[in-house]
C-alpha atoms as a PDB file:
ATOM      1  CA  UNK A   1      17.693 -58.644   2.618  1.00  0.00           C
ATOM      2  CA  UNK A   2      18.518 -54.796   2.101  1.00  0.00           C
ATOM      3  CA  UNK A   3      16.166 -52.248   3.497  1.00  0.00           C
ATOM      4  CA  UNK A   4      14.047 -50.422   1.231  1.00  0.00           C
ATOM      5  CA  UNK A   5      13.704 -46.486   1.855  1.00  0.00           C
ATOM      6  CA  UNK A   6      10.102 -45.494   2.111  1.00  0.00           C
ATOM      7  CA  UNK A   7       8.686 -42.956  -0.099  1.00  0.00           C
ATOM      8  CA  UNK A   8       7.663 -39.671   1.377  1.00  0.00           C
ATOM      9  CA  UNK A   9       4.621 -39.634   3.417  1.00  0.00           C
ATOM     10  CA  UNK A  10       5.206 -43.217   4.818  1.00  0.00           C
ATOM     11  CA  UNK A  11       8.091 -42.816   7.424  1.00  0.00           C
ATOM     12  CA  UNK A  12      10.393 -45.482   8.548  1.00  0.00           C
ATOM     13  CA  UNK A  13       9.795 -49.087   8.391  1.00  0.00           C
ATOM     14  CA  UNK A  14       8.858 -50.698  11.654  1.00  0.00           C
ATOM     15  CA  UNK A  15      11.407 -52.978  13.303  1.00  0.00           C
ATOM     16  CA  UNK A  16      10.297 -56.245  14.994  1.00  0.00           C
ATOM     17  CA  UNK A  17      10.075 -56.319  18.655  1.00  0.00           C
ATOM     18  CA  UNK A  18      10.919 -59.012  20.722  1.00  0.00           C
ATOM     19  CA  UNK A  19       8.134 -60.454  22.578  1.00  0.00           C
ATOM     20  CA  UNK A  20       8.126 -61.192  26.323  1.00  0.00           C
ATOM     21  CA  UNK A  21       5.763 -64.184  27.359  1.00  0.00           C
ATOM     22  CA  UNK A  22       3.243 -63.065  30.006  1.00  0.00           C
ATOM     23  CA  UNK A  23       4.323 -59.550  29.993  1.00  0.00           C
ATOM     24  CA  UNK A  24       3.665 -56.482  28.332  1.00  0.00           C
ATOM     25  CA  UNK A  25       5.650 -55.544  25.359  1.00  0.00           C
ATOM     26  CA  UNK A  26       7.457 -52.304  25.836  1.00  0.00           C
ATOM     27  CA  UNK A  27       6.729 -50.056  22.653  1.00  0.00           C
ATOM     28  CA  UNK A  28       9.836 -49.104  21.051  1.00  0.00           C
ATOM     29  CA  UNK A  29      10.557 -45.200  20.062  1.00  0.00           C
ATOM     30  CA  UNK A  30       9.787 -44.690  16.535  1.00  0.00           C
ATOM     31  CA  UNK A  31      11.438 -42.158  14.336  1.00  0.00           C
ATOM     32  CA  UNK A  32       9.617 -39.182  13.393  1.00  0.00           C
ATOM     33  CA  UNK A  33       7.884 -39.462   9.905  1.00  0.00           C
ATOM     34  CA  UNK A  34       7.352 -36.842   6.918  1.00  0.00           C
ATOM     35  CA  UNK A  35       3.457 -36.711   5.321  1.00  0.00           C
ATOM     36  CA  UNK A  36       2.228 -34.765   2.647  1.00  0.00           C
ATOM     37  CA  UNK A  37       1.209 -31.326   4.058  1.00  0.00           C
ATOM     38  CA  UNK A  38      -2.565 -30.518   3.634  1.00  0.00           C
ATOM     39  CA  UNK A  39      -4.358 -27.582   2.358  1.00  0.00           C
ATOM     40  CA  UNK A  40      -5.208 -25.813   5.453  1.00  0.00           C
ATOM     41  CA  UNK A  41      -1.388 -26.308   6.813  1.00  0.00           C
ATOM     42  CA  UNK A  42       0.027 -24.775   3.758  1.00  0.00           C
ATOM     43  CA  UNK A  43      -2.839 -21.753   4.027  1.00  0.00           C
ATOM     44  CA  UNK A  44      -1.633 -20.949   7.467  1.00  0.00           C
ATOM     45  CA  UNK A  45       2.178 -21.173   6.568  1.00  0.00           C
ATOM     46  CA  UNK A  46       1.191 -18.432   3.674  1.00  0.00           C
ATOM     47  CA  UNK A  47      -0.596 -16.260   6.174  1.00  0.00           C
ATOM     48  CA  UNK A  48       2.374 -15.986   8.312  1.00  0.00           C
ATOM     49  CA  UNK A  49       4.660 -15.228   5.413  1.00  0.00           C
ATOM     50  CA  UNK A  50       2.448 -12.491   4.230  1.00  0.00           C
ATOM     51  CA  UNK A  51       2.680 -10.634   7.661  1.00  0.00           C
ATOM     52  CA  UNK A  52       6.397 -11.140   7.521  1.00  0.00           C
ATOM     53  CA  UNK A  53       6.531 -10.009   3.880  1.00  0.00           C
ATOM     54  CA  UNK A  54       4.357  -6.793   4.597  1.00  0.00           C
ATOM     55  CA  UNK A  55       6.142  -5.986   7.590  1.00  0.00           C
ATOM     56  CA  UNK A  56       9.593  -5.961   5.537  1.00  0.00           C
ATOM     57  CA  UNK A  57       8.233  -3.925   2.939  1.00  0.00           C
ATOM     58  CA  UNK A  58       6.606  -1.244   5.292  1.00  0.00           C
ATOM     59  CA  UNK A  59       9.983  -0.985   7.054  1.00  0.00           C
ATOM     60  CA  UNK A  60      12.002  -0.741   3.720  1.00  0.00           C
ATOM     61  CA  UNK A  61       9.407   1.854   2.722  1.00  0.00           C
ATOM     62  CA  UNK A  62       9.804   3.764   5.876  1.00  0.00           C
ATOM     63  CA  UNK A  63      13.388   4.075   5.886  1.00  0.00           C
ATOM     64  CA  UNK A  64      14.542   3.605   2.047  1.00  0.00           C
ATOM     65  CA  UNK A  65      11.636   4.782   0.258  1.00  0.00           C
ATOM     66  CA  UNK A  66      11.459   7.836  -2.107  1.00  0.00           C
ATOM     67  CA  UNK A  67      10.079  11.110  -0.780  1.00  0.00           C
ATOM     68  CA  UNK A  68       6.794  12.392  -1.792  1.00  0.00           C
ATOM     69  CA  UNK A  69       6.488  16.009  -2.462  1.00  0.00           C
ATOM     70  CA  UNK A  70       3.052  17.791  -2.108  1.00  0.00           C
ATOM     71  CA  UNK A  71       2.038  20.519  -4.522  1.00  0.00           C
ATOM     72  CA  UNK A  72      -1.091  22.603  -3.717  1.00  0.00           C
ATOM     73  CA  UNK A  73      -2.809  24.218  -6.785  1.00  0.00           C
ATOM     74  CA  UNK A  74      -5.150  27.008  -5.699  1.00  0.00           C
ATOM     75  CA  UNK A  75      -8.401  26.801  -7.542  1.00  0.00           C
ATOM     76  CA  UNK A  76     -10.843  29.703  -7.565  1.00  0.00           C
ATOM     77  CA  UNK A  77     -14.429  28.569  -7.161  1.00  0.00           C
ATOM     78  CA  UNK A  78     -17.445  31.063  -7.349  1.00  0.00           C
ATOM     79  CA  UNK A  79     -19.662  31.938  -4.537  1.00  0.00           C
ATOM     80  CA  UNK A  80     -23.078  30.490  -5.949  1.00  0.00           C
ATOM     81  CA  UNK A  81     -24.983  31.124  -2.934  1.00  0.00           C
ATOM     82  CA  UNK A  82     -28.323  29.389  -3.801  1.00  0.00           C
ATOM     83  CA  UNK A  83     -27.229  27.717  -7.061  1.00  0.00           C
ATOM     84  CA  UNK A  84     -25.543  24.220  -6.522  1.00  0.00           C
ATOM     85  CA  UNK A  85     -22.567  23.212  -8.786  1.00  0.00           C
ATOM     86  CA  UNK A  86     -21.002  19.982  -9.326  1.00  0.00           C
ATOM     87  CA  UNK A  87     -17.330  19.912  -8.023  1.00  0.00           C
ATOM     88  CA  UNK A  88     -16.079  17.899 -10.818  1.00  0.00           C
ATOM     89  CA  UNK A  89     -17.458  20.821 -13.265  1.00  0.00           C
ATOM     90  CA  UNK A  90     -15.994  23.825 -11.194  1.00  0.00           C
ATOM     91  CA  UNK A  91     -13.018  24.522 -13.245  1.00  0.00           C
ATOM     92  CA  UNK A  92     -15.266  24.878 -16.089  1.00  0.00           C
ATOM     93  CA  UNK A  93     -17.857  26.796 -14.745  1.00  0.00           C
ATOM     94  CA  UNK A  94     -18.516  30.779 -14.734  1.00  0.00           C
ATOM     95  CA  UNK A  95     -21.161  32.462 -13.139  1.00  0.00           C
ATOM     96  CA  UNK A  96     -21.937  35.901 -13.069  1.00  0.00           C
ATOM     97  CA  UNK A  97     -22.076  38.016 -10.013  1.00  0.00           C
ATOM     98  CA  UNK A  98     -20.250  35.636  -7.816  1.00  0.00           C
ATOM     99  CA  UNK A  99     -17.626  36.300  -4.800  1.00  0.00           C
ATOM    100  CA  UNK A 100     -14.453  34.320  -5.576  1.00  0.00           C
ATOM    101  CA  UNK A 101     -13.239  31.822  -3.197  1.00  0.00           C
ATOM    102  CA  UNK A 102     -10.741  29.073  -3.634  1.00  0.00           C
ATOM    103  CA  UNK A 103     -10.031  25.560  -2.452  1.00  0.00           C
ATOM    104  CA  UNK A 104      -6.388  23.876  -2.467  1.00  0.00           C
ATOM    105  CA  UNK A 105      -6.047  20.862  -4.352  1.00  0.00           C
ATOM    106  CA  UNK A 106      -2.881  18.793  -3.424  1.00  0.00           C
ATOM    107  CA  UNK A 107      -0.656  16.845  -6.080  1.00  0.00           C
ATOM    108  CA  UNK A 108       1.652  14.276  -5.173  1.00  0.00           C
ATOM    109  CA  UNK A 109       4.718  13.869  -6.878  1.00  0.00           C
ATOM    110  CA  UNK A 110       7.270  10.970  -6.051  1.00  0.00           C
ATOM    111  CA  UNK A 111       9.999  11.088  -8.671  1.00  0.00           C
ATOM    112  CA  UNK A 112      11.427   8.788 -11.090  1.00  0.00           C
ATOM    113  CA  UNK A 113      13.053   7.139  -8.150  1.00  0.00           C
ATOM    114  CA  UNK A 114       9.470   5.730  -7.063  1.00  0.00           C
ATOM    115  CA  UNK A 115       9.242   3.288  -9.912  1.00  0.00           C
ATOM    116  CA  UNK A 116      12.696   1.779  -9.148  1.00  0.00           C
ATOM    117  CA  UNK A 117      11.442   1.306  -5.503  1.00  0.00           C
ATOM    118  CA  UNK A 118       8.349  -0.199  -6.678  1.00  0.00           C
ATOM    119  CA  UNK A 119      10.104  -2.604  -8.752  1.00  0.00           C
ATOM    120  CA  UNK A 120      12.345  -3.742  -5.733  1.00  0.00           C
ATOM    121  CA  UNK A 121       9.325  -4.322  -3.246  1.00  0.00           C
ATOM    122  CA  UNK A 122       7.536  -6.393  -6.298  1.00  0.00           C
ATOM    123  CA  UNK A 123      10.461  -8.586  -6.561  1.00  0.00           C
ATOM    124  CA  UNK A 124      11.048  -9.296  -2.636  1.00  0.00           C
ATOM    125  CA  UNK A 125       8.452 -11.993  -2.238  1.00  0.00           C
ATOM    126  CA  UNK A 126      10.231 -13.917  -5.280  1.00  0.00           C
ATOM    127  CA  UNK A 127      13.593 -13.398  -3.648  1.00  0.00           C
ATOM    128  CA  UNK A 128      12.016 -14.441  -0.241  1.00  0.00           C
ATOM    129  CA  UNK A 129      10.857 -17.677  -1.271  1.00  0.00           C
ATOM    130  CA  UNK A 130      13.308 -18.688  -3.598  1.00  0.00           C
ATOM    131  CA  UNK A 131      16.336 -17.833  -1.364  1.00  0.00           C
ATOM    132  CA  UNK A 132      14.479 -19.852   1.871  1.00  0.00           C
ATOM    133  CA  UNK A 133      13.172 -22.579  -0.279  1.00  0.00           C
ATOM    134  CA  UNK A 134      16.180 -23.429  -2.107  1.00  0.00           C
ATOM    135  CA  UNK A 135      18.701 -23.318   1.022  1.00  0.00           C
ATOM    136  CA  UNK A 136      19.307 -25.912   3.629  1.00  0.00           C
ATOM    137  CA  UNK A 137      16.261 -24.457   5.691  1.00  0.00           C
ATOM    138  CA  UNK A 138      14.026 -26.190   2.690  1.00  0.00           C
ATOM    139  CA  UNK A 139      11.020 -23.565   3.490  1.00  0.00           C
ATOM    140  CA  UNK A 140      10.153 -19.995   4.106  1.00  0.00           C
ATOM    141  CA  UNK A 141       9.715 -19.061   7.893  1.00  0.00           C
ATOM    142  CA  UNK A 142       5.869 -19.650   7.661  1.00  0.00           C
ATOM    143  CA  UNK A 143       6.392 -23.135   6.582  1.00  0.00           C
ATOM    144  CA  UNK A 144       9.172 -23.940   8.911  1.00  0.00           C
ATOM    145  CA  UNK A 145       6.812 -22.602  11.843  1.00  0.00           C
ATOM    146  CA  UNK A 146       4.342 -25.371  10.947  1.00  0.00           C
ATOM    147  CA  UNK A 147       7.007 -27.901  10.326  1.00  0.00           C
ATOM    148  CA  UNK A 148       6.862 -27.994   6.435  1.00  0.00           C
ATOM    149  CA  UNK A 149       9.448 -28.346   3.863  1.00  0.00           C
ATOM    150  CA  UNK A 150       9.522 -28.102  -0.111  1.00  0.00           C
ATOM    151  CA  UNK A 151      11.530 -30.874  -1.618  1.00  0.00           C
ATOM    152  CA  UNK A 152      11.860 -32.640  -4.987  1.00  0.00           C
ATOM    153  CA  UNK A 153       9.951 -35.739  -5.899  1.00  0.00           C
ATOM    154  CA  UNK A 154      12.872 -37.870  -4.475  1.00  0.00           C
ATOM    155  CA  UNK A 155      13.013 -35.711  -1.131  1.00  0.00           C
ATOM    156  CA  UNK A 156      15.965 -33.846  -1.600  1.00  0.00           C
ATOM    157  CA  UNK A 157      16.690 -30.153  -1.585  1.00  0.00           C
ATOM    158  CA  UNK A 158      15.271 -27.926  -4.395  1.00  0.00           C
ATOM    159  CA  UNK A 159      17.799 -26.057  -6.486  1.00  0.00           C
ATOM    160  CA  UNK A 160      17.315 -22.288  -7.088  1.00  0.00           C
ATOM    161  CA  UNK A 161      16.013 -22.834 -10.766  1.00  0.00           C
ATOM    162  CA  UNK A 162      13.346 -24.933  -9.752  1.00  0.00           C
ATOM    163  CA  UNK A 163      12.508 -22.952  -6.686  1.00  0.00           C
ATOM    164  CA  UNK A 164      12.216 -19.745  -9.239  1.00  0.00           C
ATOM    165  CA  UNK A 165      10.313 -21.925 -11.385  1.00  0.00           C
ATOM    166  CA  UNK A 166       7.879 -22.858  -8.677  1.00  0.00           C
ATOM    167  CA  UNK A 167       7.385 -19.418  -7.796  1.00  0.00           C
ATOM    168  CA  UNK A 168       6.484 -18.059 -11.172  1.00  0.00           C
ATOM    169  CA  UNK A 169       4.012 -20.706 -12.027  1.00  0.00           C
ATOM    170  CA  UNK A 170       2.171 -19.942  -8.488  1.00  0.00           C
ATOM    171  CA  UNK A 171       2.328 -15.822  -9.242  1.00  0.00           C
ATOM    172  CA  UNK A 172       1.187 -16.190 -12.791  1.00  0.00           C
ATOM    173  CA  UNK A 173      -0.720 -19.339 -13.055  1.00  0.00           C
ATOM    174  CA  UNK A 174      -2.047 -20.847  -9.684  1.00  0.00           C
ATOM    175  CA  UNK A 175      -2.970 -17.674  -8.076  1.00  0.00           C
ATOM    176  CA  UNK A 176      -4.565 -15.538 -11.425  1.00  0.00           C
ATOM    177  CA  UNK A 177      -6.451 -18.337 -12.450  1.00  0.00           C
ATOM    178  CA  UNK A 178      -9.070 -18.465  -9.674  1.00  0.00           C
ATOM    179  CA  UNK A 179      -6.746 -19.896  -7.300  1.00  0.00           C
ATOM    180  CA  UNK A 180      -7.436 -23.255  -9.003  1.00  0.00           C
ATOM    181  CA  UNK A 181      -3.694 -24.232  -9.102  1.00  0.00           C
ATOM    182  CA  UNK A 182      -3.558 -23.565  -5.331  1.00  0.00           C
ATOM    183  CA  UNK A 183      -7.158 -25.352  -4.618  1.00  0.00           C
ATOM    184  CA  UNK A 184      -5.597 -28.399  -5.983  1.00  0.00           C
ATOM    185  CA  UNK A 185      -3.728 -29.343  -3.027  1.00  0.00           C
ATOM    186  CA  UNK A 186      -6.801 -30.273  -1.136  1.00  0.00           C
ATOM    187  CA  UNK A 187      -7.601 -32.746  -3.969  1.00  0.00           C
ATOM    188  CA  UNK A 188      -4.603 -34.308  -5.428  1.00  0.00           C
ATOM    189  CA  UNK A 189      -3.122 -37.631  -4.016  1.00  0.00           C
ATOM    190  CA  UNK A 190       0.197 -36.310  -3.183  1.00  0.00           C
ATOM    191  CA  UNK A 191      -0.995 -32.676  -1.927  1.00  0.00           C
ATOM    192  CA  UNK A 192       0.442 -30.654  -5.054  1.00  0.00           C
ATOM    193  CA  UNK A 193      -0.703 -27.626  -6.379  1.00  0.00           C
ATOM    194  CA  UNK A 194      -0.392 -26.697  -9.902  1.00  0.00           C
ATOM    195  CA  UNK A 195       3.040 -25.019  -9.321  1.00  0.00           C
ATOM    196  CA  UNK A 196       4.303 -28.119  -7.410  1.00  0.00           C
ATOM    197  CA  UNK A 197       3.421 -30.604 -10.271  1.00  0.00           C
ATOM    198  CA  UNK A 198       5.061 -28.283 -12.984  1.00  0.00           C
ATOM    199  CA  UNK A 199       8.180 -27.774 -10.960  1.00  0.00           C
ATOM    200  CA  UNK A 200       8.304 -31.343  -9.618  1.00  0.00           C
ATOM    201  CA  UNK A 201       8.341 -30.571  -6.048  1.00  0.00           C
ATOM    202  CA  UNK A 202       6.382 -31.719  -2.826  1.00  0.00           C
ATOM    203  CA  UNK A 203       5.654 -30.280   0.523  1.00  0.00           C
ATOM    204  CA  UNK A 204       6.014 -32.373   3.509  1.00  0.00           C
ATOM    205  CA  UNK A 205       5.064 -31.927   6.983  1.00  0.00           C
ATOM    206  CA  UNK A 206       7.193 -33.295   9.751  1.00  0.00           C
ATOM    207  CA  UNK A 207       5.017 -35.010  12.409  1.00  0.00           C
ATOM    208  CA  UNK A 208       5.299 -38.123  14.878  1.00  0.00           C
ATOM    209  CA  UNK A 209       3.523 -41.425  14.242  1.00  0.00           C
ATOM    210  CA  UNK A 210       0.684 -42.490  16.487  1.00  0.00           C
ATOM    211  CA  UNK A 211       1.542 -44.530  19.432  1.00  0.00           C
ATOM    212  CA  UNK A 212      -0.827 -47.311  19.777  1.00  0.00           C
ATOM    213  CA  UNK A 213      -0.582 -49.197  23.193  1.00  0.00           C
ATOM    214  CA  UNK A 214       0.075 -53.082  22.467  1.00  0.00           C
ATOM    215  CA  UNK A 215      -2.447 -55.650  24.212  1.00  0.00           C
ATOM    216  CA  UNK A 216      -1.221 -57.846  26.929  1.00  0.00           C
ATOM    217  CA  UNK A 217      -0.835 -61.511  25.935  1.00  0.00           C
ATOM    218  CA  UNK A 218      -3.600 -64.016  26.888  1.00  0.00           C
ATOM    219  CA  UNK A 219      -2.554 -66.854  29.211  1.00  0.00           C
END
């Protein structure tokens, strides 16, 4: 009879073990299995990825970010003595018999290159997720740290277009709609979020089967 490959989340088919008369049956080593990754496993992986991305964005901003120029404007303020003037109305307030004083107001100028750099930073999470999940790594570093992988419904490596579709749906549907698309992971049978369902993907977790000691046979 031909062997049947178990679906994701079931692990390998156990092999029959020869029983010894009057002795303990030595448990055979079982292969590791893949199970559907639950909600909290994916939350912890997301937090690790968020820390990595924040660190990368900070380093890029420090070394490659556009320079910010500060121009100072001197704004005269009348000495009101016993009168109180709202700071918002200072520029339009004219008080007689006042001794002029002034404050410096900063104006920040980043230049047009700031917009380009902002676009690069906004695209960094997309490049990060797509390139890692569509590679032979099959997961972002955060997911890999907890033994998670993103695969197709057949358990295969996902393509770059599929990884991009998954990210776009997650960024523009799963997260903005009150995180409902993400919370679905906790309630669906195969632990799929909205982005997983629409992109045809699964997130699996690598684990070891529970070891159960057999009972000795009765004489």
